[in-house]
Amino acid sequence: MIGRILRESAIIAVLAALPAGVMAWQHLQVKPEGPLAPGEVRLSEAKAWEPAVLWVDARSPAKHAHRTIPGAVQIDPENWEERIPALLDAWDPDKRIVVFGDREGDAAATVALRLREEMQLSPVWMLHGGFEAWLRP
């Protein structure tokens, strides 16, 4: 009786673990990186530029406070005016500016464009894949 209960419990546990294992395997698969849009840079290339990189976090202040790229300056379109002084304090003409958002596009594109056009800073790049690229192993 106890042997039967143990066998059935083991079968149920294996059957329950199968979908989780498949999902984990799919999640961990290395996905090919898509093509770069104009003004984008891949994480590997931006990291190769360090320490001559100024990371700019275009996500919300709350997301920046929770987790960000070490040393990143937070500036998003909603807080542009109040955050520009901190960005200019960190800026060095010998550094490349790499702006990142949650994903590709989003607020990062707006911030990068404003840094180029309004602030006349260069070079300004957007991180391909956004902050999610930083989080990937």
N, C-alpha and C. Protein backbone atom coordinates (compact mmCIF):
# COMPACT_ATOMS: atom_id res chain seq x y z
N MET A 1 0.83 -1.19 0.00
CA MET A 1 0.00 0.00 0.00
C MET A 1 0.87 1.26 0.00
N ILE A 2 1.85 1.30 0.92
CA ILE A 2 2.72 2.48 1.00
C ILE A 2 3.56 2.59 -0.27
N GLY A 3 3.99 1.45 -0.80
CA GLY A 3 4.78 1.45 -2.05
C GLY A 3 3.98 2.04 -3.20
N ARG A 4 2.70 1.68 -3.26
CA ARG A 4 1.84 2.19 -4.33
C ARG A 4 1.66 3.71 -4.20
N ILE A 5 1.47 4.20 -3.00
CA ILE A 5 1.31 5.63 -2.75
C ILE A 5 2.58 6.38 -3.16
N LEU A 6 3.74 5.82 -2.81
CA LEU A 6 5.01 6.45 -3.17
C LEU A 6 5.20 6.49 -4.68
N ARG A 7 4.87 5.37 -5.37
CA ARG A 7 5.00 5.32 -6.84
C ARG A 7 4.09 6.35 -7.49
N GLU A 8 2.83 6.41 -7.06
CA GLU A 8 1.88 7.35 -7.64
C GLU A 8 2.28 8.80 -7.34
N SER A 9 2.80 9.04 -6.16
CA SER A 9 3.28 10.39 -5.81
C SER A 9 4.45 10.79 -6.70
N ALA A 10 5.36 9.84 -6.94
CA ALA A 10 6.51 10.11 -7.80
C ALA A 10 6.06 10.41 -9.23
N ILE A 11 5.10 9.65 -9.72
CA ILE A 11 4.58 9.87 -11.08
C ILE A 11 3.94 11.25 -11.17
N ILE A 12 3.15 11.61 -10.21
CA ILE A 12 2.50 12.92 -10.20
C ILE A 12 3.53 14.03 -10.14
N ALA A 13 4.57 13.86 -9.33
CA ALA A 13 5.62 14.88 -9.22
C ALA A 13 6.35 15.05 -10.55
N VAL A 14 6.65 13.96 -11.22
CA VAL A 14 7.34 14.04 -12.52
C VAL A 14 6.44 14.71 -13.55
N LEU A 15 5.17 14.33 -13.59
CA LEU A 15 4.23 14.94 -14.54
C LEU A 15 4.05 16.44 -14.28
N ALA A 16 4.07 16.83 -13.02
CA ALA A 16 3.94 18.24 -12.68
C ALA A 16 5.21 19.02 -13.05
N ALA A 17 6.37 18.38 -12.96
CA ALA A 17 7.63 19.06 -13.23
C ALA A 17 7.90 19.21 -14.73
N LEU A 18 7.32 18.34 -15.56
CA LEU A 18 7.58 18.41 -16.99
C LEU A 18 7.26 19.77 -17.61
N PRO A 19 6.07 20.34 -17.43
CA PRO A 19 5.80 21.65 -18.04
C PRO A 19 6.74 22.75 -17.52
N ALA A 20 7.08 22.68 -16.25
CA ALA A 20 7.99 23.69 -15.70
C ALA A 20 9.38 23.54 -16.33
N GLY A 21 9.83 22.32 -16.54
CA GLY A 21 11.12 22.09 -17.17
C GLY A 21 11.15 22.58 -18.61
N VAL A 22 10.08 22.33 -19.34
CA VAL A 22 10.00 22.80 -20.73
C VAL A 22 10.01 24.33 -20.76
N MET A 23 9.26 24.98 -19.89
CA MET A 23 9.22 26.44 -19.85
C MET A 23 10.59 27.01 -19.50
N ALA A 24 11.28 26.41 -18.54
CA ALA A 24 12.61 26.87 -18.15
C ALA A 24 13.58 26.71 -19.30
N TRP A 25 13.52 25.61 -20.00
CA TRP A 25 14.41 25.37 -21.14
C TRP A 25 14.17 26.41 -22.22
N GLN A 26 12.91 26.70 -22.54
CA GLN A 26 12.60 27.71 -23.56
C GLN A 26 13.07 29.08 -23.12
N HIS A 27 12.92 29.40 -21.87
CA HIS A 27 13.31 30.71 -21.36
C HIS A 27 14.82 30.92 -21.41
N LEU A 28 15.57 29.86 -21.18
CA LEU A 28 17.02 29.97 -21.13
C LEU A 28 17.69 29.87 -22.50
N GLN A 29 16.92 29.56 -23.53
CA GLN A 29 17.51 29.48 -24.87
C GLN A 29 18.07 30.83 -25.28
N VAL A 30 19.24 30.83 -25.89
CA VAL A 30 19.85 32.06 -26.37
C VAL A 30 19.10 32.48 -27.62
N LYS A 31 18.55 33.67 -27.57
CA LYS A 31 17.79 34.18 -28.70
C LYS A 31 18.73 35.01 -29.58
N PRO A 32 18.65 34.84 -30.88
CA PRO A 32 19.51 35.64 -31.74
C PRO A 32 19.14 37.11 -31.63
N GLU A 33 20.16 37.94 -31.61
CA GLU A 33 19.90 39.37 -31.53
C GLU A 33 19.46 39.88 -32.89
N GLY A 34 18.47 40.75 -32.87
CA GLY A 34 17.97 41.32 -34.11
C GLY A 34 18.93 42.36 -34.66
N PRO A 35 18.59 42.87 -35.83
CA PRO A 35 19.45 43.89 -36.43
C PRO A 35 19.40 45.19 -35.63
N LEU A 36 20.47 45.95 -35.72
CA LEU A 36 20.53 47.23 -35.02
C LEU A 36 19.80 48.31 -35.81
N ALA A 37 19.07 49.13 -35.10
CA ALA A 37 18.45 50.31 -35.71
C ALA A 37 19.52 51.41 -35.74
N PRO A 38 19.32 52.43 -36.55
CA PRO A 38 20.29 53.53 -36.54
C PRO A 38 20.42 54.13 -35.14
N GLY A 39 21.64 54.34 -34.70
CA GLY A 39 21.89 54.92 -33.39
C GLY A 39 21.91 53.94 -32.25
N GLU A 40 21.78 52.64 -32.54
CA GLU A 40 21.79 51.63 -31.49
C GLU A 40 23.17 50.99 -31.38
N VAL A 41 23.45 50.46 -30.20
CA VAL A 41 24.69 49.74 -29.94
C VAL A 41 24.35 48.51 -29.13
N ARG A 42 25.06 47.43 -29.39
CA ARG A 42 24.87 46.21 -28.62
C ARG A 42 25.60 46.34 -27.28
N LEU A 43 25.11 45.62 -26.29
CA LEU A 43 25.68 45.68 -24.95
C LEU A 43 27.16 45.32 -24.96
N SER A 44 27.54 44.30 -25.68
CA SER A 44 28.95 43.87 -25.70
C SER A 44 29.87 44.99 -26.20
N GLU A 45 29.43 45.72 -27.20
CA GLU A 45 30.24 46.82 -27.72
C GLU A 45 30.30 47.97 -26.72
N ALA A 46 29.16 48.31 -26.13
CA ALA A 46 29.13 49.41 -25.14
C ALA A 46 30.00 49.07 -23.94
N LYS A 47 29.97 47.82 -23.49
CA LYS A 47 30.82 47.42 -22.37
C LYS A 47 32.30 47.52 -22.74
N ALA A 48 32.62 47.28 -23.99
CA ALA A 48 34.01 47.37 -24.44
C ALA A 48 34.51 48.82 -24.39
N TRP A 49 33.60 49.78 -24.45
CA TRP A 49 33.97 51.21 -24.39
C TRP A 49 34.30 51.65 -22.97
N GLU A 50 33.85 50.89 -21.96
CA GLU A 50 34.07 51.30 -20.57
C GLU A 50 35.55 51.44 -20.28
N PRO A 51 35.95 52.38 -19.47
CA PRO A 51 35.15 53.26 -18.62
C PRO A 51 34.68 54.55 -19.30
N ALA A 52 34.88 54.67 -20.59
CA ALA A 52 34.50 55.89 -21.30
C ALA A 52 33.04 55.86 -21.76
N VAL A 53 32.15 55.43 -20.86
CA VAL A 53 30.72 55.38 -21.15
C VAL A 53 29.96 56.08 -20.04
N LEU A 54 29.01 56.90 -20.42
CA LEU A 54 28.06 57.47 -19.46
C LEU A 54 26.73 56.78 -19.73
N TRP A 55 26.32 55.93 -18.79
CA TRP A 55 25.05 55.22 -18.92
C TRP A 55 23.93 56.16 -18.48
N VAL A 56 22.87 56.26 -19.29
CA VAL A 56 21.72 57.11 -19.00
C VAL A 56 20.47 56.24 -18.95
N ASP A 57 19.85 56.21 -17.80
CA ASP A 57 18.66 55.40 -17.55
C ASP A 57 17.42 56.25 -17.85
N ALA A 58 16.72 55.91 -18.94
CA ALA A 58 15.53 56.66 -19.34
C ALA A 58 14.25 56.08 -18.76
N ARG A 59 14.39 55.12 -17.87
CA ARG A 59 13.21 54.54 -17.23
C ARG A 59 12.73 55.46 -16.11
N SER A 60 11.65 55.10 -15.48
CA SER A 60 11.09 55.92 -14.41
C SER A 60 12.05 55.99 -13.21
N PRO A 61 11.93 57.05 -12.40
CA PRO A 61 12.77 57.13 -11.20
C PRO A 61 12.60 55.91 -10.27
N ALA A 62 11.39 55.37 -10.19
CA ALA A 62 11.15 54.21 -9.32
C ALA A 62 11.91 52.99 -9.83
N LYS A 63 11.88 52.75 -11.13
CA LYS A 63 12.60 51.60 -11.69
C LYS A 63 14.11 51.80 -11.54
N HIS A 64 14.56 53.03 -11.74
CA HIS A 64 15.98 53.34 -11.59
C HIS A 64 16.42 53.08 -10.14
N ALA A 65 15.61 53.51 -9.18
CA ALA A 65 15.94 53.32 -7.76
C ALA A 65 15.95 51.84 -7.39
N HIS A 66 15.08 51.06 -8.04
CA HIS A 66 15.00 49.63 -7.71
C HIS A 66 16.22 48.87 -8.22
N ARG A 67 16.61 49.11 -9.49
CA ARG A 67 17.75 48.40 -10.08
C ARG A 67 18.14 49.09 -11.37
N THR A 68 19.44 49.29 -11.54
CA THR A 68 19.93 49.95 -12.74
C THR A 68 21.35 49.51 -13.04
N ILE A 69 21.90 49.99 -14.13
CA ILE A 69 23.29 49.74 -14.47
C ILE A 69 24.13 50.58 -13.51
N PRO A 70 25.15 50.02 -12.88
CA PRO A 70 25.96 50.78 -11.92
C PRO A 70 26.50 52.08 -12.53
N GLY A 71 26.29 53.18 -11.80
CA GLY A 71 26.78 54.48 -12.23
C GLY A 71 25.86 55.22 -13.19
N ALA A 72 24.73 54.62 -13.56
CA ALA A 72 23.83 55.25 -14.53
C ALA A 72 23.18 56.49 -13.93
N VAL A 73 23.01 57.50 -14.79
CA VAL A 73 22.31 58.72 -14.42
C VAL A 73 20.87 58.57 -14.91
N GLN A 74 19.90 58.88 -14.06
CA GLN A 74 18.50 58.75 -14.44
C GLN A 74 17.98 60.06 -15.02
N ILE A 75 17.41 59.97 -16.22
CA ILE A 75 16.73 61.12 -16.82
C ILE A 75 15.67 60.57 -17.76
N ASP A 76 14.44 60.89 -17.48
CA ASP A 76 13.34 60.44 -18.33
C ASP A 76 12.59 61.66 -18.85
N PRO A 77 11.79 61.52 -19.89
CA PRO A 77 11.11 62.68 -20.47
C PRO A 77 10.25 63.47 -19.47
N GLU A 78 9.65 62.79 -18.51
CA GLU A 78 8.78 63.47 -17.55
C GLU A 78 9.57 64.33 -16.55
N ASN A 79 10.81 63.98 -16.28
CA ASN A 79 11.63 64.71 -15.31
C ASN A 79 12.84 65.38 -15.96
N TRP A 80 12.71 65.68 -17.23
CA TRP A 80 13.82 66.19 -18.03
C TRP A 80 14.50 67.40 -17.39
N GLU A 81 13.73 68.43 -17.11
CA GLU A 81 14.30 69.70 -16.62
C GLU A 81 15.04 69.53 -15.28
N GLU A 82 14.46 68.78 -14.38
CA GLU A 82 15.09 68.65 -13.06
C GLU A 82 16.28 67.70 -13.07
N ARG A 83 16.37 66.79 -14.06
CA ARG A 83 17.45 65.81 -14.09
C ARG A 83 18.64 66.21 -14.98
N ILE A 84 18.46 67.20 -15.86
CA ILE A 84 19.54 67.63 -16.75
C ILE A 84 20.79 68.06 -15.98
N PRO A 85 20.69 68.81 -14.88
CA PRO A 85 21.91 69.20 -14.17
C PRO A 85 22.75 68.00 -13.71
N ALA A 86 22.11 66.94 -13.23
CA ALA A 86 22.85 65.75 -12.80
C ALA A 86 23.54 65.09 -13.99
N LEU A 87 22.86 65.08 -15.11
CA LEU A 87 23.45 64.49 -16.30
C LEU A 87 24.67 65.31 -16.76
N LEU A 88 24.53 66.62 -16.76
CA LEU A 88 25.65 67.46 -17.19
C LEU A 88 26.82 67.37 -16.22
N ASP A 89 26.54 67.18 -14.94
CA ASP A 89 27.63 67.00 -13.96
C ASP A 89 28.42 65.71 -14.25
N ALA A 90 27.73 64.69 -14.70
CA ALA A 90 28.38 63.41 -14.98
C ALA A 90 28.99 63.35 -16.38
N TRP A 91 28.57 64.23 -17.27
CA TRP A 91 28.99 64.18 -18.66
C TRP A 91 30.45 64.60 -18.83
N ASP A 92 31.10 63.94 -19.73
CA ASP A 92 32.48 64.23 -20.10
C ASP A 92 32.54 64.12 -21.62
N PRO A 93 33.07 65.13 -22.32
CA PRO A 93 33.09 65.06 -23.79
C PRO A 93 33.84 63.85 -24.34
N ASP A 94 34.68 63.23 -23.53
CA ASP A 94 35.42 62.06 -23.99
C ASP A 94 34.65 60.76 -23.80
N LYS A 95 33.47 60.85 -23.21
CA LYS A 95 32.66 59.65 -22.97
C LYS A 95 31.56 59.52 -24.02
N ARG A 96 31.20 58.29 -24.29
CA ARG A 96 30.05 58.01 -25.16
C ARG A 96 28.84 57.85 -24.26
N ILE A 97 27.75 58.41 -24.67
CA ILE A 97 26.51 58.32 -23.90
C ILE A 97 25.69 57.15 -24.45
N VAL A 98 25.29 56.25 -23.55
CA VAL A 98 24.46 55.11 -23.94
C VAL A 98 23.18 55.19 -23.11
N VAL A 99 22.07 55.41 -23.81
CA VAL A 99 20.76 55.56 -23.17
C VAL A 99 20.03 54.21 -23.23
N PHE A 100 19.40 53.85 -22.13
CA PHE A 100 18.63 52.61 -22.12
C PHE A 100 17.28 52.84 -21.44
N GLY A 101 16.30 52.09 -21.93
CA GLY A 101 14.97 52.05 -21.33
C GLY A 101 14.68 50.64 -20.91
N ASP A 102 13.38 50.33 -20.76
CA ASP A 102 13.01 48.96 -20.41
C ASP A 102 13.36 48.00 -21.54
N ARG A 103 13.01 48.40 -22.74
CA ARG A 103 13.25 47.60 -23.94
C ARG A 103 13.74 48.53 -25.03
N GLU A 104 13.77 47.99 -26.26
CA GLU A 104 14.14 48.85 -27.38
C GLU A 104 13.07 49.92 -27.56
N GLY A 105 13.51 51.08 -28.00
CA GLY A 105 12.56 52.16 -28.23
C GLY A 105 12.17 52.82 -26.94
N ASP A 106 10.91 52.87 -26.64
CA ASP A 106 10.29 53.52 -25.49
C ASP A 106 10.91 54.87 -25.18
N ALA A 107 11.08 55.20 -23.93
CA ALA A 107 11.58 56.52 -23.52
C ALA A 107 13.03 56.74 -23.93
N ALA A 108 13.77 55.67 -24.12
CA ALA A 108 15.18 55.81 -24.49
C ALA A 108 15.34 56.55 -25.81
N ALA A 109 14.48 56.28 -26.77
CA ALA A 109 14.57 56.96 -28.06
C ALA A 109 14.33 58.46 -27.90
N THR A 110 13.35 58.82 -27.09
CA THR A 110 13.05 60.23 -26.84
C THR A 110 14.21 60.93 -26.15
N VAL A 111 14.74 60.30 -25.12
CA VAL A 111 15.85 60.90 -24.37
C VAL A 111 17.09 61.03 -25.26
N ALA A 112 17.41 59.99 -26.03
CA ALA A 112 18.57 60.04 -26.91
C ALA A 112 18.43 61.17 -27.93
N LEU A 113 17.25 61.30 -28.51
CA LEU A 113 17.01 62.36 -29.49
C LEU A 113 17.16 63.74 -28.86
N ARG A 114 16.62 63.93 -27.69
CA ARG A 114 16.73 65.23 -27.02
C ARG A 114 18.17 65.54 -26.62
N LEU A 115 18.91 64.53 -26.20
CA LEU A 115 20.32 64.76 -25.86
C LEU A 115 21.10 65.20 -27.10
N ARG A 116 20.80 64.59 -28.24
CA ARG A 116 21.48 64.95 -29.48
C ARG A 116 21.06 66.33 -29.97
N GLU A 117 19.74 66.55 -30.05
CA GLU A 117 19.23 67.76 -30.69
C GLU A 117 19.18 68.97 -29.77
N GLU A 118 18.63 68.81 -28.58
CA GLU A 118 18.51 69.95 -27.68
C GLU A 118 19.80 70.28 -26.95
N MET A 119 20.47 69.23 -26.48
CA MET A 119 21.67 69.45 -25.68
C MET A 119 22.95 69.45 -26.53
N GLN A 120 22.82 69.03 -27.79
CA GLN A 120 23.96 68.98 -28.73
C GLN A 120 25.10 68.11 -28.20
N LEU A 121 24.75 67.02 -27.51
CA LEU A 121 25.75 66.09 -26.99
C LEU A 121 25.98 64.98 -28.01
N SER A 122 27.20 64.51 -28.08
CA SER A 122 27.49 63.38 -28.95
C SER A 122 28.78 62.72 -28.49
N PRO A 123 28.97 61.49 -28.80
CA PRO A 123 28.02 60.59 -29.44
C PRO A 123 27.00 60.05 -28.43
N VAL A 124 25.78 59.88 -28.90
CA VAL A 124 24.70 59.35 -28.08
C VAL A 124 24.17 58.10 -28.78
N TRP A 125 24.13 57.02 -28.03
CA TRP A 125 23.66 55.73 -28.53
C TRP A 125 22.49 55.25 -27.69
N MET A 126 21.69 54.35 -28.26
CA MET A 126 20.65 53.65 -27.51
C MET A 126 21.09 52.20 -27.37
N LEU A 127 20.89 51.64 -26.19
CA LEU A 127 21.27 50.26 -25.94
C LEU A 127 20.26 49.32 -26.59
N HIS A 128 20.74 48.51 -27.52
CA HIS A 128 19.90 47.53 -28.21
C HIS A 128 19.39 46.52 -27.18
N GLY A 129 18.08 46.39 -27.09
CA GLY A 129 17.49 45.46 -26.12
C GLY A 129 17.17 46.10 -24.79
N GLY A 130 17.60 47.36 -24.59
CA GLY A 130 17.29 48.07 -23.36
C GLY A 130 17.88 47.41 -22.12
N PHE A 131 17.32 47.76 -20.97
CA PHE A 131 17.82 47.23 -19.70
C PHE A 131 17.71 45.71 -19.65
N GLU A 132 16.74 45.15 -20.37
CA GLU A 132 16.61 43.70 -20.42
C GLU A 132 17.87 43.05 -20.96
N ALA A 133 18.56 43.72 -21.89
CA ALA A 133 19.82 43.17 -22.41
C ALA A 133 20.86 43.09 -21.30
N TRP A 134 20.87 44.07 -20.41
CA TRP A 134 21.82 44.07 -19.29
C TRP A 134 21.54 42.91 -18.34
N LEU A 135 20.27 42.59 -18.16
CA LEU A 135 19.87 41.56 -17.22
C LEU A 135 20.12 40.15 -17.73
N ARG A 136 20.20 39.97 -19.04
CA ARG A 136 20.41 38.63 -19.61
C ARG A 136 21.80 38.13 -19.27
N PRO A 137 21.91 36.81 -19.03
CA PRO A 137 23.24 36.24 -18.73
C PRO A 137 24.14 36.23 -19.96
